[in-house]
Each structure stands twice: as structure tokens, then as C-alpha cells.
N, C-alpha and C. Protein backbone atom coordinates (compact mmCIF):
# COMPACT_ATOMS: atom_id res chain seq x y z
N MET A 1 1.72 -10.68 29.52
CA MET A 1 1.09 -11.03 28.27
C MET A 1 2.14 -11.29 27.21
N SER A 2 1.79 -12.13 26.27
CA SER A 2 2.67 -12.46 25.15
C SER A 2 1.91 -12.27 23.85
N ARG A 3 2.63 -11.88 22.83
CA ARG A 3 2.03 -11.73 21.51
C ARG A 3 2.65 -12.78 20.59
N VAL A 4 1.77 -13.49 19.89
CA VAL A 4 2.17 -14.55 18.97
C VAL A 4 1.63 -14.19 17.59
N VAL A 5 2.44 -14.39 16.58
CA VAL A 5 2.01 -14.15 15.20
C VAL A 5 1.95 -15.48 14.48
N VAL A 6 0.84 -15.69 13.76
CA VAL A 6 0.68 -16.87 12.91
C VAL A 6 0.59 -16.37 11.47
N ASP A 7 1.58 -16.74 10.66
CA ASP A 7 1.58 -16.41 9.24
C ASP A 7 1.11 -17.64 8.48
N VAL A 8 0.10 -17.45 7.62
CA VAL A 8 -0.47 -18.54 6.84
C VAL A 8 -0.24 -18.23 5.36
N MET A 9 0.32 -19.19 4.64
CA MET A 9 0.61 -19.01 3.22
C MET A 9 0.14 -20.23 2.44
N PRO A 10 -0.25 -20.02 1.18
CA PRO A 10 -0.57 -21.19 0.35
C PRO A 10 0.68 -22.06 0.18
N LYS A 11 0.49 -23.35 0.15
CA LYS A 11 1.61 -24.25 -0.10
C LYS A 11 2.20 -23.93 -1.48
N PRO A 12 3.51 -24.17 -1.66
CA PRO A 12 4.15 -23.79 -2.93
C PRO A 12 3.49 -24.39 -4.17
N GLU A 13 2.94 -25.58 -4.06
CA GLU A 13 2.35 -26.23 -5.23
C GLU A 13 0.91 -25.78 -5.51
N ILE A 14 0.36 -24.95 -4.65
CA ILE A 14 -1.02 -24.48 -4.81
C ILE A 14 -1.03 -23.18 -5.60
N LEU A 15 -1.91 -23.11 -6.60
CA LEU A 15 -2.08 -21.89 -7.39
C LEU A 15 -2.56 -20.76 -6.48
N ASP A 16 -1.97 -19.58 -6.65
CA ASP A 16 -2.32 -18.42 -5.84
C ASP A 16 -2.84 -17.31 -6.77
N PRO A 17 -4.13 -17.31 -7.11
CA PRO A 17 -4.64 -16.32 -8.07
C PRO A 17 -4.53 -14.89 -7.57
N GLN A 18 -4.66 -14.65 -6.29
CA GLN A 18 -4.51 -13.29 -5.77
C GLN A 18 -3.07 -12.81 -5.92
N GLY A 19 -2.12 -13.67 -5.61
CA GLY A 19 -0.72 -13.32 -5.79
C GLY A 19 -0.39 -13.06 -7.26
N LYS A 20 -0.95 -13.89 -8.16
CA LYS A 20 -0.72 -13.70 -9.59
C LYS A 20 -1.31 -12.37 -10.07
N ALA A 21 -2.48 -12.00 -9.54
CA ALA A 21 -3.09 -10.73 -9.93
C ALA A 21 -2.22 -9.56 -9.49
N VAL A 22 -1.69 -9.62 -8.29
CA VAL A 22 -0.80 -8.56 -7.80
C VAL A 22 0.47 -8.52 -8.64
N GLN A 23 1.02 -9.70 -8.93
CA GLN A 23 2.24 -9.77 -9.73
C GLN A 23 2.01 -9.16 -11.11
N GLY A 24 0.85 -9.40 -11.70
CA GLY A 24 0.54 -8.82 -13.01
C GLY A 24 0.34 -7.32 -12.96
N ALA A 25 -0.17 -6.80 -11.85
CA ALA A 25 -0.44 -5.36 -11.73
C ALA A 25 0.83 -4.55 -11.46
N LEU A 26 1.82 -5.14 -10.82
CA LEU A 26 3.02 -4.38 -10.44
C LEU A 26 3.72 -3.73 -11.64
N PRO A 27 3.99 -4.45 -12.74
CA PRO A 27 4.65 -3.79 -13.87
C PRO A 27 3.81 -2.65 -14.47
N ARG A 28 2.50 -2.81 -14.47
CA ARG A 28 1.63 -1.75 -14.99
C ARG A 28 1.70 -0.50 -14.12
N LEU A 29 2.09 -0.68 -12.86
CA LEU A 29 2.23 0.46 -11.95
C LEU A 29 3.67 0.98 -11.90
N GLY A 30 4.53 0.40 -12.72
CA GLY A 30 5.90 0.88 -12.80
C GLY A 30 6.90 0.14 -11.93
N PHE A 31 6.50 -0.94 -11.31
CA PHE A 31 7.41 -1.74 -10.46
C PHE A 31 7.93 -2.91 -11.28
N GLN A 32 9.24 -2.95 -11.48
CA GLN A 32 9.86 -3.97 -12.32
C GLN A 32 10.68 -4.94 -11.46
N GLY A 33 10.97 -6.10 -12.04
CA GLY A 33 11.90 -7.04 -11.42
C GLY A 33 11.29 -7.93 -10.35
N VAL A 34 9.98 -8.04 -10.28
CA VAL A 34 9.34 -8.92 -9.30
C VAL A 34 9.06 -10.25 -9.99
N ASN A 35 9.66 -11.32 -9.49
CA ASN A 35 9.51 -12.64 -10.10
C ASN A 35 8.26 -13.38 -9.65
N GLU A 36 7.87 -13.20 -8.40
CA GLU A 36 6.72 -13.94 -7.88
C GLU A 36 6.12 -13.21 -6.69
N VAL A 37 4.80 -13.28 -6.57
CA VAL A 37 4.09 -12.74 -5.41
C VAL A 37 3.17 -13.84 -4.89
N ARG A 38 3.22 -14.08 -3.59
CA ARG A 38 2.30 -15.02 -2.93
C ARG A 38 1.57 -14.22 -1.86
N GLN A 39 0.28 -14.40 -1.79
CA GLN A 39 -0.51 -13.67 -0.79
C GLN A 39 -0.96 -14.62 0.29
N GLY A 40 -0.84 -14.17 1.54
CA GLY A 40 -1.25 -15.00 2.67
C GLY A 40 -2.03 -14.21 3.70
N LYS A 41 -2.08 -14.76 4.90
CA LYS A 41 -2.80 -14.14 6.02
C LYS A 41 -1.87 -14.05 7.22
N ARG A 42 -2.11 -13.04 8.06
CA ARG A 42 -1.34 -12.87 9.30
C ARG A 42 -2.33 -12.69 10.44
N PHE A 43 -2.13 -13.47 11.50
CA PHE A 43 -2.95 -13.37 12.70
C PHE A 43 -2.05 -12.98 13.86
N GLU A 44 -2.44 -11.98 14.62
CA GLU A 44 -1.72 -11.60 15.84
C GLU A 44 -2.60 -12.01 17.02
N ILE A 45 -2.04 -12.80 17.89
CA ILE A 45 -2.78 -13.34 19.03
C ILE A 45 -2.09 -12.90 20.31
N GLU A 46 -2.84 -12.27 21.19
CA GLU A 46 -2.29 -11.86 22.48
C GLU A 46 -2.72 -12.89 23.52
N LEU A 47 -1.74 -13.48 24.17
CA LEU A 47 -1.98 -14.52 25.17
C LEU A 47 -1.85 -13.94 26.57
N GLU A 48 -2.62 -14.47 27.49
CA GLU A 48 -2.43 -14.14 28.90
C GLU A 48 -1.18 -14.87 29.37
N GLY A 49 -0.33 -14.20 30.09
CA GLY A 49 0.86 -14.84 30.66
C GLY A 49 1.94 -15.07 29.63
N GLU A 50 2.86 -15.96 29.99
CA GLU A 50 4.03 -16.27 29.18
C GLU A 50 3.66 -17.18 28.01
N ALA A 51 4.47 -17.11 26.97
CA ALA A 51 4.30 -17.99 25.80
C ALA A 51 5.08 -19.27 26.05
N THR A 52 4.53 -20.10 26.93
CA THR A 52 5.18 -21.37 27.27
C THR A 52 5.00 -22.37 26.12
N GLU A 53 5.73 -23.48 26.20
CA GLU A 53 5.58 -24.52 25.18
C GLU A 53 4.15 -25.03 25.12
N GLU A 54 3.50 -25.14 26.26
CA GLU A 54 2.12 -25.60 26.30
C GLU A 54 1.19 -24.62 25.60
N ARG A 55 1.38 -23.33 25.87
CA ARG A 55 0.55 -22.29 25.22
C ARG A 55 0.81 -22.26 23.72
N LEU A 56 2.09 -22.39 23.32
CA LEU A 56 2.41 -22.40 21.89
C LEU A 56 1.82 -23.62 21.20
N ALA A 57 1.76 -24.74 21.91
CA ALA A 57 1.11 -25.93 21.35
C ALA A 57 -0.37 -25.65 21.09
N GLN A 58 -1.00 -24.88 21.97
CA GLN A 58 -2.40 -24.50 21.76
C GLN A 58 -2.54 -23.60 20.53
N VAL A 59 -1.59 -22.68 20.36
CA VAL A 59 -1.62 -21.81 19.18
C VAL A 59 -1.45 -22.64 17.90
N HIS A 60 -0.56 -23.62 17.94
CA HIS A 60 -0.40 -24.51 16.78
C HIS A 60 -1.71 -25.24 16.49
N GLU A 61 -2.40 -25.66 17.53
CA GLU A 61 -3.69 -26.33 17.34
C GLU A 61 -4.71 -25.37 16.75
N MET A 62 -4.73 -24.12 17.24
CA MET A 62 -5.62 -23.09 16.65
C MET A 62 -5.32 -22.93 15.17
N ALA A 63 -4.02 -22.84 14.84
CA ALA A 63 -3.62 -22.61 13.46
C ALA A 63 -4.01 -23.76 12.55
N SER A 64 -3.87 -24.97 13.04
CA SER A 64 -4.17 -26.12 12.18
C SER A 64 -5.65 -26.44 12.08
N THR A 65 -6.45 -25.98 13.05
CA THR A 65 -7.87 -26.32 13.01
C THR A 65 -8.77 -25.17 12.57
N LEU A 66 -8.34 -23.92 12.76
CA LEU A 66 -9.21 -22.79 12.44
C LEU A 66 -8.56 -21.76 11.52
N LEU A 67 -7.32 -21.42 11.79
CA LEU A 67 -6.69 -20.30 11.08
C LEU A 67 -6.18 -20.68 9.69
N SER A 68 -5.94 -21.95 9.45
CA SER A 68 -5.43 -22.38 8.15
C SER A 68 -6.18 -23.61 7.67
N ASN A 69 -6.03 -23.87 6.39
CA ASN A 69 -6.53 -25.11 5.80
C ASN A 69 -5.30 -25.96 5.51
N PRO A 70 -4.99 -26.95 6.35
CA PRO A 70 -3.73 -27.69 6.22
C PRO A 70 -3.59 -28.44 4.89
N VAL A 71 -4.66 -28.62 4.16
CA VAL A 71 -4.57 -29.29 2.87
C VAL A 71 -3.87 -28.41 1.85
N ILE A 72 -4.13 -27.09 1.90
CA ILE A 72 -3.59 -26.19 0.88
C ILE A 72 -2.70 -25.07 1.45
N GLU A 73 -2.58 -24.99 2.78
CA GLU A 73 -1.82 -23.90 3.38
C GLU A 73 -0.81 -24.42 4.41
N ASP A 74 0.30 -23.71 4.50
CA ASP A 74 1.29 -23.92 5.56
C ASP A 74 1.18 -22.74 6.52
N TYR A 75 1.60 -22.94 7.75
CA TYR A 75 1.60 -21.84 8.71
C TYR A 75 2.87 -21.86 9.52
N GLU A 76 3.19 -20.70 10.05
CA GLU A 76 4.36 -20.53 10.92
C GLU A 76 3.93 -19.74 12.15
N VAL A 77 4.33 -20.20 13.32
CA VAL A 77 4.01 -19.54 14.58
C VAL A 77 5.30 -18.96 15.14
N ARG A 78 5.24 -17.69 15.56
CA ARG A 78 6.41 -17.08 16.19
C ARG A 78 5.96 -16.12 17.28
N VAL A 79 6.78 -16.02 18.29
CA VAL A 79 6.51 -15.12 19.41
C VAL A 79 7.20 -13.79 19.13
N VAL A 80 6.45 -12.70 19.30
CA VAL A 80 7.01 -11.36 19.17
C VAL A 80 6.84 -10.64 20.49
N GLN A 81 7.76 -9.78 20.82
CA GLN A 81 7.67 -9.05 22.11
C GLN A 81 7.52 -7.59 21.87
């Protein structure tokens, strides 16, 4: 079995209201020096067998069609062991 992680983040030019809310709350909680916070999603996918190029291509297809909105989000796929 292989484990694949898909990290989904808003594109840099897209407003991130959740990230802004967290960024605004941090100083009120005593955390200083944070310039920016962006909030995203993380998906962990366990695959049967090896993480071959063909299987990773399927994960990329999953990410672009279901796990992310390609208009406003970028995603990154990586294999973890």
C-alpha cells in the first residue's frame, strides 16, 4: 500500500477570508510577527499497491476534478511512506 497526500490551497490572488480571520486572531491571543495566514485542505489517500506514475496520474485527476476547484485553488500531490 502507498499513502499519498494532496494539499489544496487557495491561489495567491484569491482572497482567503478564513486565513485573514486567523491572522487577525493571532495577535489578540499573544502571537506576534505573523505576516500572512492561508488556510487550505489536506487529503490523505491510501492506495492499493505501489504509487506508480499511472496511479499518481489518477490521484492528480481526483485532485483536479473532485478535491479542488482549479479556478481558485492549486494543489500538490506527494507520496509519503
